[in-house]
Amino acid sequence: MAKFPTLLFLTLVRLAVAFPIYESLVGLSEREISGFVAYNEPGAAHPFVPAGTNDIRGPCLALNTLASHGYLPRNGIVRPDQLVTATMEGLNLANDFAKLLTYQTFLMNGNPITNLMSLGLKSSFTGPDPPKPAQVDGLSPIALRTAHYTSF
């Protein structure tokens, strides 16, 4: 019974490490505050550029924001490794959680042949679709289910 509270405690500690405490700026000189603001300004390294006419955007606001700020390719066609890096840098996600989300998304929406996926709907830019699974002796899954229920 002590396993669940221990697991919960370790999960909370991991979250606390992922989001460090912000230090106060009280007591810093004006020069130190200016240096801090210049270093931590969000638009300095990744400025916002609205999506162009040929850029692909999807229903996920977080991924759209990462693409508009240049963490992901602005055209909306990404590789899984780009998505992991962008979510770690832009959204401050831990590496294992970023990988989990990325590869779940890739399994649902990615193209395993070209290793590309679209942030929006299906796109021809991700390459040809993989072949459909083969059917043995012309049996379809519906015929197999029917045979299972009628064979006894």
Protein backbone atom coordinates (compact mmCIF):
# COMPACT_ATOMS: atom_id res chain seq x y z
CA MET A 1 0.00 0.00 0.00
CA ALA A 2 2.98 2.31 0.51
CA LYS A 3 3.94 1.98 -3.16
CA PHE A 4 1.31 4.42 -4.43
CA PRO A 5 2.23 7.32 -2.09
CA THR A 6 5.91 6.76 -2.89
CA LEU A 7 5.19 6.82 -6.63
CA LEU A 8 3.08 9.96 -6.24
CA PHE A 9 5.84 11.64 -4.23
CA LEU A 10 8.50 10.77 -6.84
CA THR A 11 6.25 12.08 -9.62
CA LEU A 12 5.78 15.39 -7.83
CA VAL A 13 9.51 15.70 -7.16
CA ARG A 14 10.19 15.10 -10.86
CA LEU A 15 7.76 17.86 -11.81
CA ALA A 16 9.37 20.22 -9.32
CA VAL A 17 12.78 19.55 -10.87
CA ALA A 18 11.40 20.09 -14.39
CA PHE A 19 10.06 23.55 -13.48
CA PRO A 20 12.71 25.32 -11.40
CA ILE A 21 11.79 28.11 -9.02
CA TYR A 22 12.20 31.59 -10.45
CA GLU A 23 14.46 33.79 -8.40
CA SER A 24 13.46 37.27 -7.33
CA LEU A 25 14.91 40.32 -9.06
CA VAL A 26 14.64 42.36 -5.88
CA GLY A 27 17.96 43.89 -4.87
CA LEU A 28 19.60 43.66 -8.31
CA SER A 29 21.06 46.77 -9.89
CA GLU A 30 19.48 48.29 -12.99
CA ARG A 31 22.37 46.97 -15.11
CA GLU A 32 21.86 43.41 -13.79
CA ILE A 33 18.10 43.59 -14.44
CA SER A 34 18.70 44.85 -17.99
CA GLY A 35 21.11 41.97 -18.60
CA PHE A 36 18.61 39.47 -17.21
CA VAL A 37 15.78 40.83 -19.39
CA ALA A 38 17.95 40.86 -22.52
CA TYR A 39 19.05 37.26 -21.90
CA ASN A 40 15.54 35.96 -21.12
CA GLU A 41 13.53 37.90 -23.69
CA PRO A 42 11.38 35.33 -25.50
CA GLY A 43 11.37 36.99 -28.91
CA ALA A 44 15.11 37.47 -29.25
CA ALA A 45 16.10 34.00 -30.51
CA HIS A 46 12.72 32.86 -31.82
CA PRO A 47 10.67 35.74 -33.25
CA PHE A 48 7.04 35.20 -34.19
CA VAL A 49 6.41 34.86 -37.94
CA PRO A 50 2.79 34.22 -39.00
CA ALA A 51 2.07 31.16 -41.12
CA GLY A 52 2.44 31.67 -44.85
CA THR A 53 0.03 30.53 -47.53
CA ASN A 54 1.81 27.18 -48.05
CA ASP A 55 2.56 26.53 -44.37
CA ILE A 56 0.62 23.76 -42.62
CA ARG A 57 -0.90 24.30 -39.21
CA GLY A 58 -3.09 21.91 -37.24
CA PRO A 59 -5.49 21.87 -34.31
CA CYS A 60 -2.73 21.80 -31.62
CA LEU A 61 -2.06 25.35 -30.50
CA ALA A 62 1.22 24.41 -28.82
CA LEU A 63 2.70 22.90 -32.00
CA ASN A 64 1.42 25.82 -34.08
CA THR A 65 3.13 28.22 -31.69
CA LEU A 66 6.39 26.26 -31.85
CA ALA A 67 6.28 26.37 -35.66
CA SER A 68 5.43 30.09 -35.77
CA HIS A 69 8.35 30.86 -33.46
CA GLY A 70 10.84 28.73 -35.41
CA TYR A 71 11.36 25.91 -32.94
CA LEU A 72 9.85 23.63 -35.61
CA PRO A 73 10.14 24.05 -39.39
CA ARG A 74 7.72 26.79 -40.38
CA ASN A 75 6.27 24.78 -43.27
CA GLY A 76 4.68 22.31 -40.80
CA ILE A 77 6.45 19.13 -41.96
CA VAL A 78 8.58 17.76 -39.10
CA ARG A 79 10.69 14.78 -38.10
CA PRO A 80 10.22 13.16 -34.67
CA ASP A 81 13.64 14.32 -33.43
CA GLN A 82 12.77 17.93 -34.33
CA LEU A 83 9.52 17.61 -32.41
CA VAL A 84 11.27 16.24 -29.31
CA THR A 85 13.85 19.03 -29.32
CA ALA A 86 11.25 21.75 -29.94
CA THR A 87 8.95 20.61 -27.12
CA MET A 88 11.90 20.40 -24.74
CA GLU A 89 13.20 23.88 -25.62
CA GLY A 90 9.95 25.72 -26.32
CA LEU A 91 7.61 24.11 -23.79
CA ASN A 92 10.16 23.08 -21.14
CA LEU A 93 9.11 19.43 -21.19
CA ALA A 94 11.33 16.71 -19.79
CA ASN A 95 13.07 14.49 -22.35
CA ASP A 96 11.14 11.30 -21.55
CA PHE A 97 7.75 13.05 -21.60
CA ALA A 98 8.60 14.84 -24.86
CA LYS A 99 9.58 11.50 -26.44
CA LEU A 100 6.40 9.83 -25.20
CA LEU A 101 4.15 12.52 -26.69
CA THR A 102 6.13 12.70 -29.91
CA TYR A 103 6.15 9.01 -30.68
CA GLN A 104 2.49 8.56 -29.76
CA THR A 105 1.69 11.35 -32.20
CA PHE A 106 4.01 9.89 -34.82
CA LEU A 107 2.37 6.46 -34.60
CA MET A 108 -1.04 8.03 -35.21
CA ASN A 109 -0.16 10.65 -37.81
CA GLY A 110 3.38 10.03 -39.09
CA ASN A 111 4.80 8.33 -42.13
CA PRO A 112 7.25 5.60 -41.04
CA ILE A 113 8.74 5.29 -44.54
CA THR A 114 9.91 8.91 -44.85
CA ASN A 115 10.11 9.60 -41.07
CA LEU A 116 8.02 12.76 -41.54
CA MET A 117 4.73 14.00 -40.16
CA SER A 118 2.48 16.97 -40.77
CA LEU A 119 1.32 19.32 -38.02
CA GLY A 120 -2.07 19.49 -39.72
CA LEU A 121 -4.01 17.22 -42.01
CA LYS A 122 -2.54 14.55 -44.28
CA SER A 123 -0.08 16.12 -46.69
CA SER A 124 1.67 15.01 -49.86
CA PHE A 125 4.86 16.58 -48.48
CA THR A 126 5.26 13.69 -46.02
CA GLY A 127 5.72 11.21 -48.90
CA PRO A 128 3.74 8.19 -50.09
CA ASP A 129 1.58 6.25 -47.69
CA PRO A 130 2.93 2.93 -46.45
CA PRO A 131 1.29 -0.15 -47.99
CA LYS A 132 -1.78 -1.56 -46.30
CA PRO A 133 -1.44 -4.86 -44.41
CA ALA A 134 -1.84 -7.95 -46.59
CA GLN A 135 -4.92 -10.15 -46.31
CA VAL A 136 -4.39 -13.89 -46.10
CA ASP A 137 -6.32 -15.92 -48.71
CA GLY A 138 -8.75 -13.06 -49.25
CA LEU A 139 -10.17 -13.23 -45.73
CA SER A 140 -11.14 -9.93 -44.24
CA PRO A 141 -11.27 -9.21 -40.50
CA ILE A 142 -15.10 -9.21 -40.71
CA ALA A 143 -15.10 -12.72 -42.21
CA LEU A 144 -12.75 -13.93 -39.48
CA ARG A 145 -15.00 -12.51 -36.74
CA THR A 146 -18.08 -14.07 -38.34
CA ALA A 147 -16.34 -17.44 -38.62
CA HIS A 148 -15.38 -17.28 -34.95
CA TYR A 149 -18.96 -16.73 -33.78
CA THR A 150 -20.59 -19.24 -36.13
CA SER A 151 -18.14 -22.15 -35.84
CA PHE A 152 -19.33 -23.67 -32.55
